[in-house]
PDB file of N, CA and C in Angstrom:
ATOM      1  N   TYR A   1      36.555 207.600 -23.210  1.00  0.00           N
ATOM      2  CA  TYR A   1      35.720 207.193 -22.084  1.00  0.00           C
ATOM      3  C   TYR A   1      36.385 206.060 -21.295  1.00  0.00           C
ATOM      4  N   ILE A   2      37.041 205.159 -22.011  1.00  0.00           N
ATOM      5  CA  ILE A   2      37.677 204.026 -21.333  1.00  0.00           C
ATOM      6  C   ILE A   2      38.741 204.531 -20.357  1.00  0.00           C
ATOM      7  N   THR A   3      39.556 205.494 -20.808  1.00  0.00           N
ATOM      8  CA  THR A   3      40.617 206.002 -19.938  1.00  0.00           C
ATOM      9  C   THR A   3      40.010 206.697 -18.722  1.00  0.00           C
ATOM     10  N   GLU A   4      38.906 207.416 -18.929  1.00  0.00           N
ATOM     11  CA  GLU A   4      38.280 208.108 -17.803  1.00  0.00           C
ATOM     12  C   GLU A   4      37.737 207.105 -16.796  1.00  0.00           C
ATOM     13  N   ARG A   5      37.091 206.053 -17.302  1.00  0.00           N
ATOM     14  CA  ARG A   5      36.558 205.033 -16.391  1.00  0.00           C
ATOM     15  C   ARG A   5      37.698 204.369 -15.627  1.00  0.00           C
ATOM     16  N   GLY A   6      38.797 204.071 -16.305  1.00  0.00           N
ATOM     17  CA  GLY A   6      39.935 203.449 -15.632  1.00  0.00           C
ATOM     18  C   GLY A   6      40.473 204.353 -14.537  1.00  0.00           C
ATOM     19  N   ALA A   7      40.601 205.651 -14.844  1.00  0.00           N
ATOM     20  CA  ALA A   7      41.123 206.589 -13.846  1.00  0.00           C
ATOM     21  C   ALA A   7      40.177 206.646 -12.655  1.00  0.00           C
ATOM     22  N   ASN A   8      38.873 206.670 -12.926  1.00  0.00           N
ATOM     23  CA  ASN A   8      37.902 206.717 -11.832  1.00  0.00           C
ATOM     24  C   ASN A   8      38.024 205.467 -10.968  1.00  0.00           C
ATOM     25  N   GLN A   9      38.198 204.317 -11.594  1.00  0.00           N
ATOM     26  CA  GLN A   9      38.324 203.077 -10.832  1.00  0.00           C
ATOM     27  C   GLN A   9      39.584 203.115  -9.966  1.00  0.00           C
ATOM     28  N   VAL A  10      40.677 203.653 -10.500  1.00  0.00           N
ATOM     29  CA  VAL A  10      41.920 203.732  -9.727  1.00  0.00           C
ATOM     30  C   VAL A  10      41.726 204.649  -8.529  1.00  0.00           C
ATOM     31  N   VAL A  11      41.069 205.800  -8.756  1.00  0.00           N
ATOM     32  CA  VAL A  11      40.839 206.738  -7.648  1.00  0.00           C
ATOM     33  C   VAL A  11      39.974 206.081  -6.582  1.00  0.00           C
ATOM     34  N   MET A  12      38.918 205.399  -6.998  1.00  0.00           N
ATOM     35  CA  MET A  12      38.049 204.727  -6.039  1.00  0.00           C
ATOM     36  C   MET A  12      38.830 203.670  -5.271  1.00  0.00           C
ATOM     37  N   GLY A  13      39.687 202.936  -5.963  1.00  0.00           N
ATOM     38  CA  GLY A  13      40.494 201.922  -5.298  1.00  0.00           C
ATOM     39  C   GLY A  13      41.401 202.548  -4.251  1.00  0.00           C
ATOM     40  N   GLU A  14      42.032 203.675  -4.616  1.00  0.00           N
ATOM     41  CA  GLU A  14      42.921 204.339  -3.661  1.00  0.00           C
ATOM     42  C   GLU A  14      42.128 204.830  -2.458  1.00  0.00           C
ATOM     43  N   ARG A  15      40.924 205.343  -2.700  1.00  0.00           N
ATOM     44  CA  ARG A  15      40.095 205.816  -1.582  1.00  0.00           C
ATOM     45  C   ARG A  15      39.715 204.652  -0.680  1.00  0.00           C
ATOM     46  N   GLU A  16      39.369 203.511  -1.288  1.00  0.00           N
ATOM     47  CA  GLU A  16      39.003 202.340  -0.498  1.00  0.00           C
ATOM     48  C   GLU A  16      40.177 201.894   0.370  1.00  0.00           C
ATOM     49  N   ILE A  17      41.383 201.849  -0.223  1.00  0.00           N
ATOM     50  CA  ILE A  17      42.572 201.432   0.524  1.00  0.00           C
ATOM     51  C   ILE A  17      42.836 202.403   1.668  1.00  0.00           C
ATOM     52  N   ALA A  18      42.747 203.698   1.384  1.00  0.00           N
ATOM     53  CA  ALA A  18      42.994 204.701   2.427  1.00  0.00           C
ATOM     54  C   ALA A  18      41.954 204.566   3.534  1.00  0.00           C
ATOM     55  N   ARG A  19      40.697 204.328   3.157  1.00  0.00           N
ATOM     56  CA  ARG A  19      39.645 204.215   4.164  1.00  0.00           C
ATOM     57  C   ARG A  19      39.869 202.989   5.043  1.00  0.00           C
ATOM     58  N   THR A  20      40.192 201.860   4.427  1.00  0.00           N
ATOM     59  CA  THR A  20      40.419 200.641   5.202  1.00  0.00           C
ATOM     60  C   THR A  20      41.630 200.807   6.121  1.00  0.00           C
ATOM     61  N   MET A  21      42.684 201.457   5.619  1.00  0.00           N
ATOM     62  CA  MET A  21      43.880 201.662   6.443  1.00  0.00           C
ATOM     63  C   MET A  21      43.536 202.538   7.640  1.00  0.00           C
ATOM     64  N   LEU A  22      42.760 203.603   7.417  1.00  0.00           N
ATOM     65  CA  LEU A  22      42.376 204.479   8.522  1.00  0.00           C
ATOM     66  C   LEU A  22      41.534 203.708   9.530  1.00  0.00           C
ATOM     67  N   GLU A  23      40.636 202.857   9.033  1.00  0.00           N
ATOM     68  CA  GLU A  23      39.801 202.079   9.947  1.00  0.00           C
ATOM     69  C   GLU A  23      40.659 201.135  10.779  1.00  0.00           C
ATOM     70  N   LEU A  24      41.633 200.480  10.146  1.00  0.00           N
ATOM     71  CA  LEU A  24      42.492 199.553  10.884  1.00  0.00           C
ATOM     72  C   LEU A  24      43.304 200.299  11.932  1.00  0.00           C
ATOM     73  N   LEU A  25      43.735 201.527  11.614  1.00  0.00           N
ATOM     74  CA  LEU A  25      44.533 202.294  12.569  1.00  0.00           C
ATOM     75  C   LEU A  25      43.666 202.791  13.719  1.00  0.00           C
ATOM     76  N   GLU A  26      42.413 203.161  13.415  1.00  0.00           N
ATOM     77  CA  GLU A  26      41.543 203.702  14.456  1.00  0.00           C
ATOM     78  C   GLU A  26      40.979 202.593  15.340  1.00  0.00           C
ATOM     79  N   THR A  27      40.556 201.488  14.727  1.00  0.00           N
ATOM     80  CA  THR A  27      39.941 200.420  15.508  1.00  0.00           C
ATOM     81  C   THR A  27      41.006 199.637  16.275  1.00  0.00           C
ATOM     82  N   PRO A  28      40.742 199.307  17.526  1.00  0.00           N
ATOM     83  CA  PRO A  28      41.693 198.526  18.327  1.00  0.00           C
ATOM     84  C   PRO A  28      41.688 197.070  17.894  1.00  0.00           C
ATOM     85  N   PRO A  29      42.766 196.327  18.156  1.00  0.00           N
ATOM     86  CA  PRO A  29      42.851 194.915  17.783  1.00  0.00           C
ATOM     87  C   PRO A  29      41.844 194.081  18.569  1.00  0.00           C
ATOM     88  N   ALA A  30      40.629 193.935  18.020  1.00  0.00           N
ATOM     89  CA  ALA A  30      39.592 193.166  18.716  1.00  0.00           C
ATOM     90  C   ALA A  30      38.771 192.401  17.687  1.00  0.00           C
ATOM     91  N   GLY A  31      37.598 191.892  18.082  1.00  0.00           N
ATOM     92  CA  GLY A  31      36.761 191.120  17.165  1.00  0.00           C
ATOM     93  C   GLY A  31      36.265 191.983  16.018  1.00  0.00           C
ATOM     94  N   GLU A  32      36.185 193.303  16.231  1.00  0.00           N
ATOM     95  CA  GLU A  32      35.688 194.186  15.174  1.00  0.00           C
ATOM     96  C   GLU A  32      36.581 194.104  13.946  1.00  0.00           C
ATOM     97  N   VAL A  33      37.901 194.039  14.166  1.00  0.00           N
ATOM     98  CA  VAL A  33      38.827 193.988  13.034  1.00  0.00           C
ATOM     99  C   VAL A  33      38.633 192.689  12.261  1.00  0.00           C
ATOM    100  N   VAL A  34      38.366 191.588  12.987  1.00  0.00           N
ATOM    101  CA  VAL A  34      38.207 190.294  12.326  1.00  0.00           C
ATOM    102  C   VAL A  34      36.929 190.292  11.491  1.00  0.00           C
ATOM    103  N   THR A  35      35.844 190.830  12.061  1.00  0.00           N
ATOM    104  CA  THR A  35      34.570 190.837  11.339  1.00  0.00           C
ATOM    105  C   THR A  35      34.631 191.821  10.180  1.00  0.00           C
ATOM    106  N   GLY A  36      35.330 192.940  10.362  1.00  0.00           N
ATOM    107  CA  GLY A  36      35.413 193.955   9.315  1.00  0.00           C
ATOM    108  C   GLY A  36      36.198 193.437   8.161  1.00  0.00           C
TER     109      GLY A  36
END
């Protein structure tokens, strides 16, 4: 179970990083990026 939880956490982390990167690429350099 520990290994499964660790793998799930890694996948979630990768998804979070990918989502934030996509948001930074889509959003223009403005106040939204600073608040986000």
